[in-house]
């Protein structure tokens, strides 16, 4: 397959891995997301609907989640990354877990998952990097303390980052 020069205007190349049905669904979703009133209502009603245990999770999973996420597990994400790799599309892995609810055990579990994802990404040519949600690895209060210390120090962030 010939790989054209990178261009964000080349939608034919950018979306060739999508079926016509997937493209129509995406168009509908983005059209709805372009409506400020719908977005305002949705961002207020959705958290309430989830807390009230209304059956909205399936709708979210089949629309917004399907459009923007590769999966809920590394295995699901790996399948999506493989398909995109066939089309020379790079992937950014984002394991966005919060560790706070379960204490140290949850932070340890999150760290293990981050390491698993990093190890996997290192073997994939179309996953050049990944994002790590630092709040999944340590208490938010510790991050706040570090932030306060950094604001009190003189000099650049780089010079002060490793010297606490």
Protein backbone atom coordinates (compact mmCIF):
# COMPACT_ATOMS: atom_id res chain seq x y z
CA UNK A 1 0.00 0.00 0.00
CA UNK A 2 1.34 3.44 -0.90
CA UNK A 3 1.45 5.77 2.06
CA UNK A 4 0.69 9.32 0.96
CA UNK A 5 2.31 12.37 2.47
CA UNK A 6 0.72 13.22 5.81
CA UNK A 7 -2.18 15.55 5.26
CA UNK A 8 -5.12 16.25 7.51
CA UNK A 9 -7.08 17.14 4.39
CA UNK A 10 -6.81 13.63 2.92
CA UNK A 11 -10.00 12.16 4.38
CA UNK A 12 -10.02 9.30 1.87
CA UNK A 13 -6.77 7.94 3.34
CA UNK A 14 -7.57 8.92 6.93
CA UNK A 15 -10.85 7.00 7.04
CA UNK A 16 -10.27 4.12 4.64
CA UNK A 17 -10.42 1.64 7.54
CA UNK A 18 -14.04 2.66 8.25
CA UNK A 19 -17.09 1.14 6.58
CA UNK A 20 -19.77 3.36 5.05
CA UNK A 21 -22.03 2.53 8.01
CA UNK A 22 -19.30 3.56 10.51
CA UNK A 23 -18.72 6.81 8.61
CA UNK A 24 -22.45 7.64 8.61
CA UNK A 25 -22.65 6.92 12.35
CA UNK A 26 -19.64 9.15 13.00
CA UNK A 27 -21.13 11.93 10.90
CA UNK A 28 -24.37 11.74 12.86
CA UNK A 29 -22.54 11.72 16.18
CA UNK A 30 -20.38 14.73 15.27
CA UNK A 31 -23.42 16.59 13.97
CA UNK A 32 -25.15 16.05 17.30
CA UNK A 33 -22.00 17.04 19.20
CA UNK A 34 -21.90 20.24 17.15
CA UNK A 35 -25.17 21.34 18.71
CA UNK A 36 -24.30 23.38 21.85
CA UNK A 37 -27.74 22.91 23.42
CA UNK A 38 -27.56 19.11 23.08
CA UNK A 39 -24.03 19.07 24.49
CA UNK A 40 -25.08 21.23 27.44
CA UNK A 41 -28.07 19.01 28.20
CA UNK A 42 -26.07 15.81 27.66
CA UNK A 43 -23.20 16.78 29.95
CA UNK A 44 -25.66 17.57 32.75
CA UNK A 45 -28.14 14.72 32.29
CA UNK A 46 -25.70 11.87 31.58
CA UNK A 47 -23.96 11.75 35.00
CA UNK A 48 -27.36 11.95 36.68
CA UNK A 49 -28.73 9.15 34.46
CA UNK A 50 -25.76 6.91 35.28
CA UNK A 51 -26.14 7.54 39.04
CA UNK A 52 -29.88 6.87 38.75
CA UNK A 53 -28.99 3.56 37.06
CA UNK A 54 -30.94 4.42 33.93
CA UNK A 55 -29.99 2.24 30.94
CA UNK A 56 -27.69 4.78 29.24
CA UNK A 57 -24.34 3.00 29.48
CA UNK A 58 -25.05 0.86 26.41
CA UNK A 59 -26.01 3.97 24.41
CA UNK A 60 -22.79 5.73 25.51
CA UNK A 61 -20.68 2.64 24.75
CA UNK A 62 -22.20 2.28 21.26
CA UNK A 63 -21.82 5.95 20.31
CA UNK A 64 -19.32 8.22 22.05
CA UNK A 65 -17.15 5.47 23.52
CA UNK A 66 -17.07 3.53 20.24
CA UNK A 67 -15.96 6.66 18.37
CA UNK A 68 -13.23 7.79 20.75
CA UNK A 69 -11.98 4.71 22.62
CA UNK A 70 -10.29 1.53 21.51
CA UNK A 71 -11.73 -0.63 24.25
CA UNK A 72 -11.98 -1.27 27.94
CA UNK A 73 -9.19 -3.84 28.08
CA UNK A 74 -5.72 -4.07 26.58
CA UNK A 75 -6.90 -7.01 24.48
CA UNK A 76 -9.76 -4.99 22.95
CA UNK A 77 -7.46 -2.06 22.35
CA UNK A 78 -4.82 -4.32 20.78
CA UNK A 79 -7.39 -5.51 18.24
CA UNK A 80 -8.22 -1.92 17.26
CA UNK A 81 -4.51 -1.00 17.14
CA UNK A 82 -3.83 -3.98 14.83
CA UNK A 83 -6.56 -2.90 12.40
CA UNK A 84 -5.33 0.70 12.41
CA UNK A 85 -1.74 -0.51 11.95
CA UNK A 86 -2.74 -2.21 8.69
CA UNK A 87 -3.70 1.25 7.44
CA UNK A 88 -0.51 2.88 8.75
CA UNK A 89 -2.42 4.76 11.46
CA UNK A 90 -0.51 5.42 14.69
CA UNK A 91 -2.23 4.91 18.02
CA UNK A 92 -1.87 6.63 21.38
CA UNK A 93 -2.69 4.31 24.24
CA UNK A 94 -4.37 6.03 27.16
CA UNK A 95 -4.96 3.93 30.25
CA UNK A 96 -7.07 6.39 32.22
CA UNK A 97 -7.66 4.69 35.55
CA UNK A 98 -8.01 6.39 38.92
CA UNK A 99 -6.36 4.51 41.76
CA UNK A 100 -7.77 6.38 44.74
CA UNK A 101 -10.81 4.36 45.71
CA UNK A 102 -9.00 1.18 46.78
CA UNK A 103 -5.98 2.68 48.52
CA UNK A 104 -2.48 1.31 48.00
CA UNK A 105 -3.72 -1.94 46.45
CA UNK A 106 -5.52 0.04 43.73
CA UNK A 107 -2.37 2.10 43.03
CA UNK A 108 -0.32 -1.10 42.80
CA UNK A 109 -2.88 -2.62 40.43
CA UNK A 110 -2.86 0.52 38.29
CA UNK A 111 0.95 0.51 38.19
CA UNK A 112 0.93 -3.13 37.06
CA UNK A 113 -1.55 -2.29 34.29
CA UNK A 114 0.51 0.73 33.19
CA UNK A 115 3.60 -1.47 32.97
CA UNK A 116 1.65 -4.10 31.00
CA UNK A 117 0.45 -1.43 28.55
CA UNK A 118 3.94 0.08 28.22
CA UNK A 119 5.44 -3.37 27.56
CA UNK A 120 2.80 -4.03 24.89
CA UNK A 121 3.24 -0.61 23.26
CA UNK A 122 7.01 -1.15 23.07
CA UNK A 123 6.40 -4.12 20.73
CA UNK A 124 4.08 -2.28 18.35
CA UNK A 125 5.41 -0.13 15.50
CA UNK A 126 2.24 1.98 15.31
CA UNK A 127 2.17 2.88 19.03
CA UNK A 128 4.93 5.48 19.39
CA UNK A 129 3.90 6.55 22.91
CA UNK A 130 1.15 6.36 25.49
CA UNK A 131 -0.32 8.61 28.12
CA UNK A 132 -0.24 7.86 31.83
CA UNK A 133 -2.74 9.33 34.23
CA UNK A 134 -0.58 10.18 37.24
CA UNK A 135 -3.59 10.27 39.58
CA UNK A 136 -3.90 6.53 38.93
CA UNK A 137 -0.51 5.98 40.56
CA UNK A 138 -0.63 8.11 43.70
CA UNK A 139 -2.91 10.04 46.01
CA UNK A 140 -4.17 13.38 44.75
CA UNK A 141 -3.15 15.00 48.05
CA UNK A 142 0.50 14.01 47.41
CA UNK A 143 0.34 15.56 43.94
CA UNK A 144 -1.09 18.75 45.48
CA UNK A 145 1.81 18.88 47.97
CA UNK A 146 4.33 18.43 45.16
CA UNK A 147 2.62 21.20 43.22
CA UNK A 148 2.83 23.53 46.22
CA UNK A 149 6.53 22.76 46.66
CA UNK A 150 7.18 23.44 42.97
CA UNK A 151 5.46 26.83 43.17
CA UNK A 152 7.62 27.86 46.12
CA UNK A 153 10.93 27.01 44.43
CA UNK A 154 12.99 29.38 42.32
CA UNK A 155 14.20 28.47 38.84
CA UNK A 156 12.78 26.35 36.09
CA UNK A 157 10.48 23.38 36.45
CA UNK A 158 13.11 21.11 34.87
CA UNK A 159 15.80 22.10 37.42
CA UNK A 160 13.43 21.54 40.33
CA UNK A 161 11.55 18.45 39.18
CA UNK A 162 13.97 15.86 40.50
CA UNK A 163 15.23 17.76 43.55
CA UNK A 164 12.62 17.84 46.30
